Amino acid sequence: FHKYTFPKGEESNIIVDPTSKIFGTTYHT
């Protein structure tokens, strides 16, 4: 469960990166 509290009046984004790894190689997503 992620809970993000954004400041008012700003453009808000959620980035989702399925290629990111701590170690290893991503073949496809």
mmCIF file of all heavy atoms, coordinates in Angstrom:
data_MODEL
# 
_entry.id   MODEL 
# 
loop_
_atom_site.group_PDB 
_atom_site.id 
_atom_site.type_symbol 
_atom_site.label_atom_id 
_atom_site.label_alt_id 
_atom_site.label_comp_id 
_atom_site.label_asym_id 
_atom_site.label_entity_id 
_atom_site.label_seq_id 
_atom_site.pdbx_PDB_ins_code 
_atom_site.Cartn_x 
_atom_site.Cartn_y 
_atom_site.Cartn_z 
_atom_site.occupancy 
_atom_site.B_iso_or_equiv 
_atom_site.pdbx_formal_charge 
_atom_site.auth_seq_id 
_atom_site.auth_comp_id 
_atom_site.auth_asym_id 
_atom_site.auth_atom_id 
_atom_site.pdbx_PDB_model_num 
ATOM 1   N N   . PHE A 1 1  ? 0.847  -1.187  0.000   1.00 0.00 ? 1  PHE A N   1 
ATOM 2   C CA  . PHE A 1 1  ? 0.000  0.000   0.000   1.00 0.00 ? 1  PHE A CA  1 
ATOM 3   C C   . PHE A 1 1  ? 0.890  1.247   0.000   1.00 0.00 ? 1  PHE A C   1 
ATOM 4   O O   . PHE A 1 1  ? 1.672  1.454   0.932   1.00 0.00 ? 1  PHE A O   1 
ATOM 5   C CB  . PHE A 1 1  ? -0.900 0.019   1.241   1.00 0.00 ? 1  PHE A CB  1 
ATOM 6   C CG  . PHE A 1 1  ? -1.855 -1.144  1.309   1.00 0.00 ? 1  PHE A CG  1 
ATOM 7   C CD1 . PHE A 1 1  ? -1.480 -2.332  1.922   1.00 0.00 ? 1  PHE A CD1 1 
ATOM 8   C CD2 . PHE A 1 1  ? -3.126 -1.044  0.757   1.00 0.00 ? 1  PHE A CD2 1 
ATOM 9   C CE1 . PHE A 1 1  ? -2.353 -3.402  1.996   1.00 0.00 ? 1  PHE A CE1 1 
ATOM 10  C CE2 . PHE A 1 1  ? -4.003 -2.118  0.825   1.00 0.00 ? 1  PHE A CE2 1 
ATOM 11  C CZ  . PHE A 1 1  ? -3.626 -3.302  1.443   1.00 0.00 ? 1  PHE A CZ  1 
ATOM 12  N N   . HIS A 1 2  ? 0.755  2.065   -1.045  1.00 0.00 ? 2  HIS A N   1 
ATOM 13  C CA  . HIS A 1 2  ? 1.472  3.337   -1.142  1.00 0.00 ? 2  HIS A CA  1 
ATOM 14  C C   . HIS A 1 2  ? 0.483  4.457   -0.824  1.00 0.00 ? 2  HIS A C   1 
ATOM 15  O O   . HIS A 1 2  ? -0.616 4.485   -1.396  1.00 0.00 ? 2  HIS A O   1 
ATOM 16  C CB  . HIS A 1 2  ? 1.989  3.577   -2.559  1.00 0.00 ? 2  HIS A CB  1 
ATOM 17  C CG  . HIS A 1 2  ? 2.860  2.504   -3.126  1.00 0.00 ? 2  HIS A CG  1 
ATOM 18  N ND1 . HIS A 1 2  ? 4.163  2.748   -3.543  1.00 0.00 ? 2  HIS A ND1 1 
ATOM 19  C CD2 . HIS A 1 2  ? 2.620  1.193   -3.385  1.00 0.00 ? 2  HIS A CD2 1 
ATOM 20  C CE1 . HIS A 1 2  ? 4.663  1.630   -4.036  1.00 0.00 ? 2  HIS A CE1 1 
ATOM 21  N NE2 . HIS A 1 2  ? 3.757  0.673   -3.949  1.00 0.00 ? 2  HIS A NE2 1 
ATOM 22  N N   . LYS A 1 3  ? 0.877  5.391   0.012   1.00 0.00 ? 3  LYS A N   1 
ATOM 23  C CA  . LYS A 1 3  ? 0.081  6.598   0.238   1.00 0.00 ? 3  LYS A CA  1 
ATOM 24  C C   . LYS A 1 3  ? 0.991  7.805   0.021   1.00 0.00 ? 3  LYS A C   1 
ATOM 25  O O   . LYS A 1 3  ? 2.009  7.949   0.688   1.00 0.00 ? 3  LYS A O   1 
ATOM 26  C CB  . LYS A 1 3  ? -0.496 6.637   1.648   1.00 0.00 ? 3  LYS A CB  1 
ATOM 27  C CG  . LYS A 1 3  ? -1.338 7.899   1.913   1.00 0.00 ? 3  LYS A CG  1 
ATOM 28  C CD  . LYS A 1 3  ? -1.879 7.913   3.339   1.00 0.00 ? 3  LYS A CD  1 
ATOM 29  C CE  . LYS A 1 3  ? -2.678 9.174   3.607   1.00 0.00 ? 3  LYS A CE  1 
ATOM 30  N NZ  . LYS A 1 3  ? -3.206 9.220   4.997   1.00 0.00 ? 3  LYS A NZ  1 
ATOM 31  N N   . TYR A 1 4  ? 0.607  8.657   -0.942  1.00 0.00 ? 4  TYR A N   1 
ATOM 32  C CA  . TYR A 1 4  ? 1.402  9.841   -1.258  1.00 0.00 ? 4  TYR A CA  1 
ATOM 33  C C   . TYR A 1 4  ? 0.543  11.080  -1.032  1.00 0.00 ? 4  TYR A C   1 
ATOM 34  O O   . TYR A 1 4  ? -0.561 11.193  -1.579  1.00 0.00 ? 4  TYR A O   1 
ATOM 35  C CB  . TYR A 1 4  ? 1.877  9.799   -2.708  1.00 0.00 ? 4  TYR A CB  1 
ATOM 36  C CG  . TYR A 1 4  ? 2.744  8.597   -3.021  1.00 0.00 ? 4  TYR A CG  1 
ATOM 37  C CD1 . TYR A 1 4  ? 2.426  7.742   -4.069  1.00 0.00 ? 4  TYR A CD1 1 
ATOM 38  C CD2 . TYR A 1 4  ? 3.879  8.318   -2.264  1.00 0.00 ? 4  TYR A CD2 1 
ATOM 39  C CE1 . TYR A 1 4  ? 3.216  6.640   -4.353  1.00 0.00 ? 4  TYR A CE1 1 
ATOM 40  C CE2 . TYR A 1 4  ? 4.670  7.217   -2.531  1.00 0.00 ? 4  TYR A CE2 1 
ATOM 41  C CZ  . TYR A 1 4  ? 4.332  6.380   -3.585  1.00 0.00 ? 4  TYR A CZ  1 
ATOM 42  O OH  . TYR A 1 4  ? 5.109  5.286   -3.856  1.00 0.00 ? 4  TYR A OH  1 
ATOM 43  N N   . THR A 1 5  ? 1.053  12.005  -0.235  1.00 0.00 ? 5  THR A N   1 
ATOM 44  C CA  . THR A 1 5  ? 0.370  13.265  0.030   1.00 0.00 ? 5  THR A CA  1 
ATOM 45  C C   . THR A 1 5  ? 1.087  14.369  -0.728  1.00 0.00 ? 5  THR A C   1 
ATOM 46  O O   . THR A 1 5  ? 2.236  14.712  -0.421  1.00 0.00 ? 5  THR A O   1 
ATOM 47  C CB  . THR A 1 5  ? 0.351  13.576  1.531   1.00 0.00 ? 5  THR A CB  1 
ATOM 48  O OG1 . THR A 1 5  ? -0.254 12.479  2.235   1.00 0.00 ? 5  THR A OG1 1 
ATOM 49  C CG2 . THR A 1 5  ? -0.438 14.844  1.806   1.00 0.00 ? 5  THR A CG2 1 
ATOM 50  N N   . PHE A 1 6  ? 0.416  14.914  -1.746  1.00 0.00 ? 6  PHE A N   1 
ATOM 51  C CA  . PHE A 1 6  ? 1.006  15.913  -2.630  1.00 0.00 ? 6  PHE A CA  1 
ATOM 52  C C   . PHE A 1 6  ? 0.677  17.323  -2.135  1.00 0.00 ? 6  PHE A C   1 
ATOM 53  O O   . PHE A 1 6  ? -0.361 17.542  -1.512  1.00 0.00 ? 6  PHE A O   1 
ATOM 54  C CB  . PHE A 1 6  ? 0.464  15.756  -4.057  1.00 0.00 ? 6  PHE A CB  1 
ATOM 55  C CG  . PHE A 1 6  ? 0.884  14.497  -4.744  1.00 0.00 ? 6  PHE A CG  1 
ATOM 56  C CD1 . PHE A 1 6  ? 0.143  13.334  -4.603  1.00 0.00 ? 6  PHE A CD1 1 
ATOM 57  C CD2 . PHE A 1 6  ? 2.009  14.463  -5.542  1.00 0.00 ? 6  PHE A CD2 1 
ATOM 58  C CE1 . PHE A 1 6  ? 0.523  12.162  -5.242  1.00 0.00 ? 6  PHE A CE1 1 
ATOM 59  C CE2 . PHE A 1 6  ? 2.396  13.312  -6.191  1.00 0.00 ? 6  PHE A CE2 1 
ATOM 60  C CZ  . PHE A 1 6  ? 1.652  12.154  -6.039  1.00 0.00 ? 6  PHE A CZ  1 
ATOM 61  N N   . PRO A 1 7  ? 1.528  18.309  -2.452  1.00 0.00 ? 7  PRO A N   1 
ATOM 62  C CA  . PRO A 1 7  ? 1.184  19.698  -2.133  1.00 0.00 ? 7  PRO A CA  1 
ATOM 63  C C   . PRO A 1 7  ? 0.030  20.180  -3.005  1.00 0.00 ? 7  PRO A C   1 
ATOM 64  O O   . PRO A 1 7  ? -0.150 19.714  -4.133  1.00 0.00 ? 7  PRO A O   1 
ATOM 65  C CB  . PRO A 1 7  ? 2.477  20.459  -2.446  1.00 0.00 ? 7  PRO A CB  1 
ATOM 66  C CG  . PRO A 1 7  ? 3.189  19.614  -3.443  1.00 0.00 ? 7  PRO A CG  1 
ATOM 67  C CD  . PRO A 1 7  ? 2.849  18.194  -3.092  1.00 0.00 ? 7  PRO A CD  1 
ATOM 68  N N   . LYS A 1 8  ? -0.753 21.115  -2.499  1.00 0.00 ? 8  LYS A N   1 
ATOM 69  C CA  . LYS A 1 8  ? -1.874 21.655  -3.256  1.00 0.00 ? 8  LYS A CA  1 
ATOM 70  C C   . LYS A 1 8  ? -1.377 22.530  -4.407  1.00 0.00 ? 8  LYS A C   1 
ATOM 71  O O   . LYS A 1 8  ? -0.344 23.173  -4.315  1.00 0.00 ? 8  LYS A O   1 
ATOM 72  C CB  . LYS A 1 8  ? -2.783 22.474  -2.348  1.00 0.00 ? 8  LYS A CB  1 
ATOM 73  C CG  . LYS A 1 8  ? -3.528 21.648  -1.309  1.00 0.00 ? 8  LYS A CG  1 
ATOM 74  C CD  . LYS A 1 8  ? -4.456 22.513  -0.488  1.00 0.00 ? 8  LYS A CD  1 
ATOM 75  C CE  . LYS A 1 8  ? -5.235 21.674  0.513   1.00 0.00 ? 8  LYS A CE  1 
ATOM 76  N NZ  . LYS A 1 8  ? -6.137 22.516  1.337   1.00 0.00 ? 8  LYS A NZ  1 
ATOM 77  N N   . GLY A 1 9  ? -2.152 22.523  -5.501  1.00 0.00 ? 9  GLY A N   1 
ATOM 78  C CA  . GLY A 1 9  ? -1.879 23.439  -6.595  1.00 0.00 ? 9  GLY A CA  1 
ATOM 79  C C   . GLY A 1 9  ? -0.718 23.064  -7.482  1.00 0.00 ? 9  GLY A C   1 
ATOM 80  O O   . GLY A 1 9  ? -0.238 23.882  -8.256  1.00 0.00 ? 9  GLY A O   1 
ATOM 81  N N   . GLU A 1 10 ? -0.224 21.845  -7.395  1.00 0.00 ? 10 GLU A N   1 
ATOM 82  C CA  . GLU A 1 10 ? 0.888  21.409  -8.231  1.00 0.00 ? 10 GLU A CA  1 
ATOM 83  C C   . GLU A 1 10 ? 0.438  20.288  -9.167  1.00 0.00 ? 10 GLU A C   1 
ATOM 84  O O   . GLU A 1 10 ? -0.497 19.551  -8.873  1.00 0.00 ? 10 GLU A O   1 
ATOM 85  C CB  . GLU A 1 10 ? 2.050  20.886  -7.365  1.00 0.00 ? 10 GLU A CB  1 
ATOM 86  C CG  . GLU A 1 10 ? 2.687  21.922  -6.455  1.00 0.00 ? 10 GLU A CG  1 
ATOM 87  C CD  . GLU A 1 10 ? 3.635  22.854  -7.196  1.00 0.00 ? 10 GLU A CD  1 
ATOM 88  O OE1 . GLU A 1 10 ? 3.882  22.603  -8.397  1.00 0.00 ? 10 GLU A OE1 1 
ATOM 89  O OE2 . GLU A 1 10 ? 4.104  23.819  -6.575  1.00 0.00 ? 10 GLU A OE2 1 
ATOM 90  N N   . GLU A 1 11 ? 1.109  20.175  -10.307 1.00 0.00 ? 11 GLU A N   1 
ATOM 91  C CA  . GLU A 1 11 ? 0.880  19.043  -11.190 1.00 0.00 ? 11 GLU A CA  1 
ATOM 92  C C   . GLU A 1 11 ? 1.501  17.810  -10.552 1.00 0.00 ? 11 GLU A C   1 
ATOM 93  O O   . GLU A 1 11 ? 2.699  17.781  -10.260 1.00 0.00 ? 11 GLU A O   1 
ATOM 94  C CB  . GLU A 1 11 ? 1.505  19.300  -12.560 1.00 0.00 ? 11 GLU A CB  1 
ATOM 95  C CG  . GLU A 1 11 ? 1.318  18.149  -13.538 1.00 0.00 ? 11 GLU A CG  1 
ATOM 96  C CD  . GLU A 1 11 ? 1.964  18.399  -14.884 1.00 0.00 ? 11 GLU A CD  1 
ATOM 97  O OE1 . GLU A 1 11 ? 2.413  19.538  -15.115 1.00 0.00 ? 11 GLU A OE1 1 
ATOM 98  O OE2 . GLU A 1 11 ? 2.027  17.460  -15.690 1.00 0.00 ? 11 GLU A OE2 1 
ATOM 99  N N   . SER A 1 12 ? 0.707  16.767  -10.335 1.00 0.00 ? 12 SER A N   1 
ATOM 100 C CA  . SER A 1 12 ? 1.167  15.575  -9.631  1.00 0.00 ? 12 SER A CA  1 
ATOM 101 C C   . SER A 1 12 ? 1.354  14.422  -10.604 1.00 0.00 ? 12 SER A C   1 
ATOM 102 O O   . SER A 1 12 ? 0.540  14.220  -11.503 1.00 0.00 ? 12 SER A O   1 
ATOM 103 C CB  . SER A 1 12 ? 0.155  15.175  -8.554  1.00 0.00 ? 12 SER A CB  1 
ATOM 104 O OG  . SER A 1 12 ? -0.059 16.238  -7.649  1.00 0.00 ? 12 SER A OG  1 
ATOM 105 N N   . ASN A 1 13 ? 2.438  13.671  -10.419 1.00 0.00 ? 13 ASN A N   1 
ATOM 106 C CA  . ASN A 1 13 ? 2.757  12.547  -11.295 1.00 0.00 ? 13 ASN A CA  1 
ATOM 107 C C   . ASN A 1 13 ? 3.035  11.294  -10.464 1.00 0.00 ? 13 ASN A C   1 
ATOM 108 O O   . ASN A 1 13 ? 3.546  11.386  -9.345  1.00 0.00 ? 13 ASN A O   1 
ATOM 109 C CB  . ASN A 1 13 ? 4.011  12.839  -12.132 1.00 0.00 ? 13 ASN A CB  1 
ATOM 110 C CG  . ASN A 1 13 ? 3.995  14.208  -12.774 1.00 0.00 ? 13 ASN A CG  1 
ATOM 111 O OD1 . ASN A 1 13 ? 3.090  14.543  -13.516 1.00 0.00 ? 13 ASN A OD1 1 
ATOM 112 N ND2 . ASN A 1 13 ? 5.014  15.012  -12.481 1.00 0.00 ? 13 ASN A ND2 1 
ATOM 113 N N   . ILE A 1 14 ? 2.717  10.137  -11.033 1.00 0.00 ? 14 ILE A N   1 
ATOM 114 C CA  . ILE A 1 14 ? 3.152  8.853   -10.493 1.00 0.00 ? 14 ILE A CA  1 
ATOM 115 C C   . ILE A 1 14 ? 3.929  8.137   -11.595 1.00 0.00 ? 14 ILE A C   1 
ATOM 116 O O   . ILE A 1 14 ? 3.368  7.810   -12.637 1.00 0.00 ? 14 ILE A O   1 
ATOM 117 C CB  . ILE A 1 14 ? 1.982  7.970   -10.036 1.00 0.00 ? 14 ILE A CB  1 
ATOM 118 C CG1 . ILE A 1 14 ? 1.209  8.618   -8.886  1.00 0.00 ? 14 ILE A CG1 1 
ATOM 119 C CG2 . ILE A 1 14 ? 2.481  6.586   -9.639  1.00 0.00 ? 14 ILE A CG2 1 
ATOM 120 C CD1 . ILE A 1 14 ? 1.941  8.612   -7.562  1.00 0.00 ? 14 ILE A CD1 1 
ATOM 121 N N   . ILE A 1 15 ? 5.211  7.924   -11.386 1.00 0.00 ? 15 ILE A N   1 
ATOM 122 C CA  . ILE A 1 15 ? 6.061  7.224   -12.347 1.00 0.00 ? 15 ILE A CA  1 
ATOM 123 C C   . ILE A 1 15 ? 6.075  5.742   -11.981 1.00 0.00 ? 15 ILE A C   1 
ATOM 124 O O   . ILE A 1 15 ? 6.315  5.386   -10.821 1.00 0.00 ? 15 ILE A O   1 
ATOM 125 C CB  . ILE A 1 15 ? 7.485  7.798   -12.347 1.00 0.00 ? 15 ILE A CB  1 
ATOM 126 C CG1 . ILE A 1 15 ? 7.464  9.249   -12.828 1.00 0.00 ? 15 ILE A CG1 1 
ATOM 127 C CG2 . ILE A 1 15 ? 8.427  6.951   -13.207 1.00 0.00 ? 15 ILE A CG2 1 
ATOM 128 C CD1 . ILE A 1 15 ? 8.778  9.978   -12.621 1.00 0.00 ? 15 ILE A CD1 1 
ATOM 129 N N   . VAL A 1 16 ? 5.814  4.885   -12.956 1.00 0.00 ? 16 VAL A N   1 
ATOM 130 C CA  . VAL A 1 16 ? 5.895  3.437   -12.779 1.00 0.00 ? 16 VAL A CA  1 
ATOM 131 C C   . VAL A 1 16 ? 6.949  2.914   -13.735 1.00 0.00 ? 16 VAL A C   1 
ATOM 132 O O   . VAL A 1 16 ? 6.824  3.062   -14.956 1.00 0.00 ? 16 VAL A O   1 
ATOM 133 C CB  . VAL A 1 16 ? 4.534  2.752   -13.056 1.00 0.00 ? 16 VAL A CB  1 
ATOM 134 C CG1 . VAL A 1 16 ? 4.664  1.245   -12.888 1.00 0.00 ? 16 VAL A CG1 1 
ATOM 135 C CG2 . VAL A 1 16 ? 3.456  3.310   -12.143 1.00 0.00 ? 16 VAL A CG2 1 
ATOM 136 N N   . ASP A 1 17 ? 8.008  2.319   -13.194 1.00 0.00 ? 17 ASP A N   1 
ATOM 137 C CA  . ASP A 1 17 ? 9.119  1.827   -14.027 1.00 0.00 ? 17 ASP A CA  1 
ATOM 138 C C   . ASP A 1 17 ? 9.276  0.328   -13.814 1.00 0.00 ? 17 ASP A C   1 
ATOM 139 O O   . ASP A 1 17 ? 9.900  -0.113  -12.843 1.00 0.00 ? 17 ASP A O   1 
ATOM 140 C CB  . ASP A 1 17 ? 10.414 2.554   -13.671 1.00 0.00 ? 17 ASP A CB  1 
ATOM 141 C CG  . ASP A 1 17 ? 11.579 2.141   -14.564 1.00 0.00 ? 17 ASP A CG  1 
ATOM 142 O OD1 . ASP A 1 17 ? 11.374 1.285   -15.456 1.00 0.00 ? 17 ASP A OD1 1 
ATOM 143 O OD2 . ASP A 1 17 ? 12.695 2.665   -14.372 1.00 0.00 ? 17 ASP A OD2 1 
ATOM 144 N N   . PRO A 1 18 ? 8.743  -0.504  -14.714 1.00 0.00 ? 18 PRO A N   1 
ATOM 145 C CA  . PRO A 1 18 ? 8.886  -1.953  -14.569 1.00 0.00 ? 18 PRO A CA  1 
ATOM 146 C C   . PRO A 1 18 ? 10.248 -2.470  -15.005 1.00 0.00 ? 18 PRO A C   1 
ATOM 147 O O   . PRO A 1 18 ? 10.522 -3.664  -14.852 1.00 0.00 ? 18 PRO A O   1 
ATOM 148 C CB  . PRO A 1 18 ? 7.776  -2.493  -15.472 1.00 0.00 ? 18 PRO A CB  1 
ATOM 149 C CG  . PRO A 1 18 ? 7.641  -1.465  -16.534 1.00 0.00 ? 18 PRO A CG  1 
ATOM 150 C CD  . PRO A 1 18 ? 7.918  -0.140  -15.873 1.00 0.00 ? 18 PRO A CD  1 
ATOM 151 N N   . THR A 1 19 ? 11.115 -1.607  -15.541 1.00 0.00 ? 19 THR A N   1 
ATOM 152 C CA  . THR A 1 19 ? 12.440 -2.039  -15.983 1.00 0.00 ? 19 THR A CA  1 
ATOM 153 C C   . THR A 1 19 ? 13.485 -1.936  -14.884 1.00 0.00 ? 19 THR A C   1 
ATOM 154 O O   . THR A 1 19 ? 14.565 -2.509  -14.995 1.00 0.00 ? 19 THR A O   1 
ATOM 155 C CB  . THR A 1 19 ? 12.922 -1.217  -17.190 1.00 0.00 ? 19 THR A CB  1 
ATOM 156 O OG1 . THR A 1 19 ? 13.207 0.128   -16.772 1.00 0.00 ? 19 THR A OG1 1 
ATOM 157 C CG2 . THR A 1 19 ? 11.876 -1.194  -18.286 1.00 0.00 ? 19 THR A CG2 1 
ATOM 158 N N   . SER A 1 20 ? 13.188 -1.187  -13.826 1.00 0.00 ? 20 SER A N   1 
ATOM 159 C CA  . SER A 1 20 ? 14.173 -0.950  -12.772 1.00 0.00 ? 20 SER A CA  1 
ATOM 160 C C   . SER A 1 20 ? 14.440 -2.220  -11.970 1.00 0.00 ? 20 SER A C   1 
ATOM 161 O O   . SER A 1 20 ? 13.517 -2.964  -11.631 1.00 0.00 ? 20 SER A O   1 
ATOM 162 C CB  . SER A 1 20 ? 13.679 0.151   -11.832 1.00 0.00 ? 20 SER A CB  1 
ATOM 163 O OG  . SER A 1 20 ? 14.630 0.426   -10.824 1.00 0.00 ? 20 SER A OG  1 
ATOM 164 N N   . LYS A 1 21 ? 15.723 -2.491  -11.672 1.00 0.00 ? 21 LYS A N   1 
ATOM 165 C CA  . LYS A 1 21 ? 16.139 -3.636  -10.862 1.00 0.00 ? 21 LYS A CA  1 
ATOM 166 C C   . LYS A 1 21 ? 17.277 -3.208  -9.934  1.00 0.00 ? 21 LYS A C   1 
ATOM 167 O O   . LYS A 1 21 ? 18.081 -2.346  -10.279 1.00 0.00 ? 21 LYS A O   1 
ATOM 168 C CB  . LYS A 1 21 ? 16.651 -4.796  -11.733 1.00 0.00 ? 21 LYS A CB  1 
ATOM 169 C CG  . LYS A 1 21 ? 15.684 -5.271  -12.796 1.00 0.00 ? 21 LYS A CG  1 
ATOM 170 C CD  . LYS A 1 21 ? 14.481 -5.958  -12.191 1.00 0.00 ? 21 LYS A CD  1 
ATOM 171 C CE  . LYS A 1 21 ? 13.452 -6.241  -13.269 1.00 0.00 ? 21 LYS A CE  1 
ATOM 172 N NZ  . LYS A 1 21 ? 12.121 -6.463  -12.740 1.00 0.00 ? 21 LYS A NZ  1 
ATOM 173 N N   . ILE A 1 22 ? 17.350 -3.845  -8.772  1.00 0.00 ? 22 ILE A N   1 
ATOM 174 C CA  . ILE A 1 22 ? 18.516 -3.643  -7.921  1.00 0.00 ? 22 ILE A CA  1 
ATOM 175 C C   . ILE A 1 22 ? 19.728 -4.324  -8.531  1.00 0.00 ? 22 ILE A C   1 
ATOM 176 O O   . ILE A 1 22 ? 20.849 -3.824  -8.454  1.00 0.00 ? 22 ILE A O   1 
ATOM 177 C CB  . ILE A 1 22 ? 18.238 -4.176  -6.501  1.00 0.00 ? 22 ILE A CB  1 
ATOM 178 C CG1 . ILE A 1 22 ? 17.125 -3.336  -5.857  1.00 0.00 ? 22 ILE A CG1 1 
ATOM 179 C CG2 . ILE A 1 22 ? 19.490 -4.157  -5.641  1.00 0.00 ? 22 ILE A CG2 1 
ATOM 180 C CD1 . ILE A 1 22 ? 16.654 -3.862  -4.516  1.00 0.00 ? 22 ILE A CD1 1 
ATOM 181 N N   . PHE A 1 23 ? 19.507 -5.474  -9.176  1.00 0.00 ? 23 PHE A N   1 
ATOM 182 C CA  . PHE A 1 23 ? 20.581 -6.198  -9.851  1.00 0.00 ? 23 PHE A CA  1 
ATOM 183 C C   . PHE A 1 23 ? 19.968 -7.079  -10.925 1.00 0.00 ? 23 PHE A C   1 
ATOM 184 O O   . PHE A 1 23 ? 18.885 -7.633  -10.742 1.00 0.00 ? 23 PHE A O   1 
ATOM 185 C CB  . PHE A 1 23 ? 21.365 -7.061  -8.859  1.00 0.00 ? 23 PHE A CB  1 
ATOM 186 C CG  . PHE A 1 23 ? 22.415 -7.932  -9.495  1.00 0.00 ? 23 PHE A CG  1 
ATOM 187 C CD1 . PHE A 1 23 ? 23.656 -7.422  -9.819  1.00 0.00 ? 23 PHE A CD1 1 
ATOM 188 C CD2 . PHE A 1 23 ? 22.147 -9.267  -9.774  1.00 0.00 ? 23 PHE A CD2 1 
ATOM 189 C CE1 . PHE A 1 23 ? 24.627 -8.223  -10.410 1.00 0.00 ? 23 PHE A CE1 1 
ATOM 190 C CE2 . PHE A 1 23 ? 23.103 -10.071 -10.355 1.00 0.00 ? 23 PHE A CE2 1 
ATOM 191 C CZ  . PHE A 1 23 ? 24.347 -9.549  -10.678 1.00 0.00 ? 23 PHE A CZ  1 
ATOM 192 N N   . GLY A 1 24 ? 20.638 -7.191  -12.073 1.00 0.00 ? 24 GLY A N   1 
ATOM 193 C CA  . GLY A 1 24 ? 20.173 -8.105  -13.099 1.00 0.00 ? 24 GLY A CA  1 
ATOM 194 C C   . GLY A 1 24 ? 19.823 -7.399  -14.392 1.00 0.00 ? 24 GLY A C   1 
ATOM 195 O O   . GLY A 1 24 ? 20.064 -6.209  -14.571 1.00 0.00 ? 24 GLY A O   1 
ATOM 196 N N   . THR A 1 25 ? 19.204 -8.131  -15.293 1.00 0.00 ? 25 THR A N   1 
ATOM 197 C CA  . THR A 1 25 ? 18.860 -7.652  -16.623 1.00 0.00 ? 25 THR A CA  1 
ATOM 198 C C   . THR A 1 25 ? 17.370 -7.825  -16.868 1.00 0.00 ? 25 THR A C   1 
ATOM 199 O O   . THR A 1 25 ? 16.811 -8.893  -16.598 1.00 0.00 ? 25 THR A O   1 
ATOM 200 C CB  . THR A 1 25 ? 19.641 -8.430  -17.701 1.00 0.00 ? 25 THR A CB  1 
ATOM 201 O OG1 . THR A 1 25 ? 21.037 -8.266  -17.471 1.00 0.00 ? 25 THR A OG1 1 
ATOM 202 C CG2 . THR A 1 25 ? 19.299 -7.935  -19.091 1.00 0.00 ? 25 THR A CG2 1 
ATOM 203 N N   . THR A 1 26 ? 16.720 -6.785  -17.373 1.00 0.00 ? 26 THR A N   1 
ATOM 204 C CA  . THR A 1 26 ? 15.315 -6.866  -17.753 1.00 0.00 ? 26 THR A CA  1 
ATOM 205 C C   . THR A 1 26 ? 15.220 -7.251  -19.217 1.00 0.00 ? 26 THR A C   1 
ATOM 206 O O   . THR A 1 26 ? 15.757 -6.569  -20.089 1.00 0.00 ? 26 THR A O   1 
ATOM 207 C CB  . THR A 1 26 ? 14.613 -5.519  -17.513 1.00 0.00 ? 26 THR A CB  1 
ATOM 208 O OG1 . THR A 1 26 ? 14.734 -5.155  -16.136 1.00 0.00 ? 26 THR A OG1 1 
ATOM 209 C CG2 . THR A 1 26 ? 13.146 -5.606  -17.878 1.00 0.00 ? 26 THR A CG2 1 
ATOM 210 N N   . TYR A 1 27 ? 14.500 -8.345  -19.513 1.00 0.00 ? 27 TYR A N   1 
ATOM 211 C CA  . TYR A 1 27 ? 14.336 -8.808  -20.892 1.00 0.00 ? 27 TYR A CA  1 
ATOM 212 C C   . TYR A 1 27 ? 13.175 -8.099  -21.583 1.00 0.00 ? 27 TYR A C   1 
ATOM 213 O O   . TYR A 1 27 ? 13.316 -7.594  -22.690 1.00 0.00 ? 27 TYR A O   1 
ATOM 214 C CB  . TYR A 1 27 ? 14.125 -10.319 -20.925 1.00 0.00 ? 27 TYR A CB  1 
ATOM 215 C CG  . TYR A 1 27 ? 15.322 -11.111 -20.474 1.00 0.00 ? 27 TYR A CG  1 
ATOM 216 C CD1 . TYR A 1 27 ? 15.206 -12.069 -19.469 1.00 0.00 ? 27 TYR A CD1 1 
ATOM 217 C CD2 . TYR A 1 27 ? 16.575 -10.899 -21.041 1.00 0.00 ? 27 TYR A CD2 1 
ATOM 218 C CE1 . TYR A 1 27 ? 16.304 -12.810 -19.049 1.00 0.00 ? 27 TYR A CE1 1 
ATOM 219 C CE2 . TYR A 1 27 ? 17.676 -11.631 -20.626 1.00 0.00 ? 27 TYR A CE2 1 
ATOM 220 C CZ  . TYR A 1 27 ? 17.542 -12.584 -19.636 1.00 0.00 ? 27 TYR A CZ  1 
ATOM 221 O OH  . TYR A 1 27 ? 18.633 -13.307 -19.219 1.00 0.00 ? 27 TYR A OH  1 
ATOM 222 N N   . HIS A 1 28 ? 12.020 -8.105  -20.967 1.00 0.00 ? 28 HIS A N   1 
ATOM 223 C CA  . HIS A 1 28 ? 10.909 -7.351  -21.536 1.00 0.00 ? 28 HIS A CA  1 
ATOM 224 C C   . HIS A 1 28 ? 9.861  -7.099  -20.469 1.00 0.00 ? 28 HIS A C   1 
ATOM 225 O O   . HIS A 1 28 ? 9.809  -7.785  -19.433 1.00 0.00 ? 28 HIS A O   1 
ATOM 226 C CB  . HIS A 1 28 ? 10.293 -8.053  -22.758 1.00 0.00 ? 28 HIS A CB  1 
ATOM 227 C CG  . HIS A 1 28 ? 9.824  -9.451  -22.518 1.00 0.00 ? 28 HIS A CG  1 
ATOM 228 N ND1 . HIS A 1 28 ? 8.588  -9.758  -21.981 1.00 0.00 ? 28 HIS A ND1 1 
ATOM 229 C CD2 . HIS A 1 28 ? 10.429 -10.642 -22.751 1.00 0.00 ? 28 HIS A CD2 1 
ATOM 230 C CE1 . HIS A 1 28 ? 8.442  -11.067 -21.912 1.00 0.00 ? 28 HIS A CE1 1 
ATOM 231 N NE2 . HIS A 1 28 ? 9.543  -11.634 -22.356 1.00 0.00 ? 28 HIS A NE2 1 
ATOM 232 N N   . THR A 1 29 ? 9.016  -6.088  -20.730 1.00 0.00 ? 29 THR A N   1 
ATOM 233 C CA  . THR A 1 29 ? 7.971  -5.693  -19.790 1.00 0.00 ? 29 THR A CA  1 
ATOM 234 C C   . THR A 1 29 ? 6.682  -5.432  -20.558 1.00 0.00 ? 29 THR A C   1 
ATOM 235 O O   . THR A 1 29 ? 6.676  -5.269  -21.784 1.00 0.00 ? 29 THR A O   1 
ATOM 236 C CB  . THR A 1 29 ? 8.350  -4.411  -19.014 1.00 0.00 ? 29 THR A CB  1 
ATOM 237 O OG1 . THR A 1 29 ? 8.431  -3.317  -19.941 1.00 0.00 ? 29 THR A OG1 1 
ATOM 238 C CG2 . THR A 1 29 ? 9.668  -4.574  -18.297 1.00 0.00 ? 29 THR A CG2 1 
# 
